[in-house]
Amino acid sequence: MHIERAGPDDVRGLARVKWIDRAADDAGDAEFDSFVTALSSWWDDHRATHSAFVARTIDDEIVGAAWVALLPRVPSPGASNRLSADIQSVFVLPEHRGEGVATALVDAATAHAHGAGASRVTVHSSERAVPVYRRLGFAGSPKLLQRISEA
């Protein structure tokens, strides 16, 4: 298993992992192909801010993915290029869980964010994944608040 930054040729594999994570079981090939097209178009529009990392098997199959969004922040005196980052859509195929794949993906995404200059990396996690993120050094902050849409 190895982790690497995904490229445009990986869209179908990224879509497959996301599809398995979220899609209804009865969806057909046409719906999946439509999702691949939508993801590809979205990533074309967001390539400057969003990077994907994939976990590949020795056979080159994508079995996990993590995205990181780099978010420009308002400049401050003495800091004109401030960035924050957000880890998004981390998923590992069920048959590869417990092998350290999610940890390696989050580490790669976090390293990328810090290398780009992000002063903080956040994640909005599922309940099930909170212990994983805590183990990786993520912690709650009384200064990081959220307001959930009522819509």
Protein backbone atom coordinates (compact mmCIF):
# COMPACT_ATOMS: atom_id res chain seq x y z
CA MET A 1 0.00 0.00 0.00
CA HIS A 2 1.30 3.45 -0.81
CA ILE A 3 -0.08 6.97 -0.50
CA GLU A 4 0.30 9.60 -3.20
CA ARG A 5 -1.24 12.82 -4.41
CA ALA A 6 -3.98 12.10 -6.91
CA GLY A 7 -4.00 13.48 -10.42
CA PRO A 8 -6.64 13.98 -13.10
CA ASP A 9 -6.31 10.34 -14.22
CA ASP A 10 -7.47 9.23 -10.77
CA VAL A 11 -10.94 10.80 -10.93
CA ARG A 12 -12.72 7.51 -11.66
CA GLY A 13 -11.00 5.81 -8.70
CA LEU A 14 -11.73 8.78 -6.43
CA ALA A 15 -15.35 8.70 -7.56
CA ARG A 16 -15.56 4.96 -6.90
CA VAL A 17 -14.35 5.36 -3.31
CA LYS A 18 -16.73 8.27 -2.68
CA TRP A 19 -19.55 6.36 -4.36
CA ILE A 20 -19.07 3.32 -2.14
CA ASP A 21 -19.00 5.62 0.89
CA ARG A 22 -22.22 7.48 0.09
CA ALA A 23 -24.30 6.04 -2.75
CA ALA A 24 -27.45 3.98 -2.60
CA ASP A 25 -26.96 0.29 -3.28
CA ASP A 26 -29.41 0.26 -6.17
CA ALA A 27 -27.73 2.97 -8.24
CA GLY A 28 -26.78 1.97 -11.76
CA ASP A 29 -23.74 2.40 -14.00
CA ALA A 30 -25.23 5.46 -15.72
CA GLU A 31 -25.61 7.22 -12.37
CA PHE A 32 -22.03 6.36 -11.42
CA ASP A 33 -20.72 7.62 -14.78
CA SER A 34 -22.68 10.83 -14.24
CA PHE A 35 -21.07 11.19 -10.81
CA VAL A 36 -17.59 10.66 -12.31
CA THR A 37 -18.31 13.47 -14.77
CA ALA A 38 -19.62 15.74 -12.01
CA LEU A 39 -16.60 15.08 -9.76
CA SER A 40 -14.21 15.68 -12.64
CA SER A 41 -15.88 18.98 -13.49
CA TRP A 42 -15.96 20.05 -9.84
CA TRP A 43 -12.28 19.24 -9.37
CA ASP A 44 -11.37 21.13 -12.56
CA ASP A 45 -13.06 24.17 -10.99
CA HIS A 46 -11.39 23.67 -7.57
CA ARG A 47 -7.95 22.28 -8.41
CA ALA A 48 -6.25 25.42 -7.07
CA THR A 49 -7.73 24.91 -3.60
CA HIS A 50 -8.43 21.17 -3.29
CA SER A 51 -5.95 18.31 -3.43
CA ALA A 52 -6.74 14.62 -3.17
CA PHE A 53 -4.54 11.87 -1.79
CA VAL A 54 -5.10 8.21 -2.57
CA ALA A 55 -4.08 4.91 -1.07
CA ARG A 56 -3.13 2.40 -3.75
CA THR A 57 -2.62 -1.32 -3.51
CA ILE A 58 0.33 -3.00 -5.15
CA ASP A 59 -2.07 -3.65 -8.07
CA ASP A 60 -2.67 0.13 -8.39
CA GLU A 61 -6.27 -0.08 -7.09
CA ILE A 62 -7.43 3.00 -5.17
CA VAL A 63 -8.77 1.76 -1.82
CA GLY A 64 -8.90 5.03 0.11
CA ALA A 65 -8.88 8.76 -0.36
CA ALA A 66 -8.62 12.02 1.55
CA TRP A 67 -9.08 15.55 0.32
CA VAL A 68 -7.63 18.75 1.73
CA ALA A 69 -8.97 22.20 0.97
CA LEU A 70 -6.63 25.17 1.34
CA LEU A 71 -8.61 28.18 2.45
CA PRO A 72 -7.16 31.68 2.08
CA ARG A 73 -7.62 33.84 5.16
CA VAL A 74 -7.87 37.61 5.40
CA PRO A 75 -4.37 39.12 5.59
CA SER A 76 -3.10 40.50 8.89
CA PRO A 77 -0.31 43.00 9.40
CA GLY A 78 2.90 41.06 8.90
CA ALA A 79 1.07 38.03 7.47
CA SER A 80 -0.31 38.69 4.01
CA ASN A 81 -0.58 35.05 2.85
CA ARG A 82 -2.51 33.33 5.62
CA LEU A 83 -4.01 29.90 4.98
CA SER A 84 -6.12 27.41 6.85
CA ALA A 85 -6.86 23.91 5.66
CA ASP A 86 -9.74 21.51 6.02
CA ILE A 87 -9.47 17.72 5.69
CA GLN A 88 -12.49 16.41 3.78
CA SER A 89 -14.02 13.15 2.58
CA VAL A 90 -11.62 10.65 4.12
CA PHE A 91 -12.74 7.13 3.32
CA VAL A 92 -11.13 3.71 3.22
CA LEU A 93 -12.84 0.69 1.71
CA PRO A 94 -14.12 -1.54 4.53
CA GLU A 95 -11.85 -4.46 3.62
CA HIS A 96 -8.78 -2.22 4.11
CA ARG A 97 -9.72 -0.65 7.44
CA GLY A 98 -7.50 -1.32 10.41
CA GLU A 99 -4.34 -1.31 8.25
CA GLY A 100 -3.32 2.30 8.98
CA VAL A 101 -4.57 3.56 5.63
CA ALA A 102 -6.71 6.39 7.03
CA THR A 103 -3.83 7.50 9.26
CA ALA A 104 -1.44 7.60 6.30
CA LEU A 105 -3.97 9.52 4.17
CA VAL A 106 -4.63 12.12 6.87
CA ASP A 107 -0.89 12.46 7.53
CA ALA A 108 -0.24 13.07 3.81
CA ALA A 109 -3.05 15.63 3.53
CA THR A 110 -1.91 17.38 6.71
CA ALA A 111 1.73 17.48 5.58
CA HIS A 112 0.60 18.99 2.27
CA ALA A 113 -1.43 21.65 4.09
CA HIS A 114 1.40 22.59 6.43
CA GLY A 115 3.86 22.58 3.52
CA ALA A 116 1.60 25.04 1.69
CA GLY A 117 1.71 27.33 4.72
CA ALA A 118 -1.54 26.51 6.50
CA SER A 119 -1.36 27.54 10.12
CA ARG A 120 -4.15 25.17 11.13
CA VAL A 121 -5.82 22.08 9.77
CA THR A 122 -9.41 21.29 10.74
CA VAL A 123 -11.70 18.35 10.12
CA HIS A 124 -15.43 17.85 10.48
CA SER A 125 -15.56 14.21 11.48
CA SER A 126 -18.13 11.50 11.84
CA GLU A 127 -18.59 10.24 15.40
CA ARG A 128 -16.94 6.96 14.44
CA ALA A 129 -13.75 8.67 13.25
CA VAL A 130 -13.27 11.11 16.14
CA PRO A 131 -10.94 8.73 18.03
CA VAL A 132 -8.77 8.37 14.92
CA TYR A 133 -8.40 12.14 14.56
CA ARG A 134 -7.69 12.57 18.28
CA ARG A 135 -4.97 9.92 18.03
CA LEU A 136 -3.46 11.92 15.14
CA GLY A 137 -3.25 15.07 17.27
CA PHE A 138 -6.50 16.81 16.35
CA ALA A 139 -8.24 18.41 19.31
CA GLY A 140 -11.31 20.50 19.96
CA SER A 141 -10.89 24.22 20.40
CA PRO A 142 -13.11 26.58 22.36
CA LYS A 143 -12.34 29.24 19.72
CA LEU A 144 -13.43 27.19 16.69
CA LEU A 145 -17.22 27.40 16.56
CA GLN A 146 -19.80 26.47 13.99
CA ARG A 147 -23.33 27.53 13.14
CA ILE A 148 -25.40 24.86 11.44
CA SER A 149 -27.86 25.91 8.75
CA GLU A 150 -31.48 25.52 9.70
CA ALA A 151 -32.47 24.91 6.08
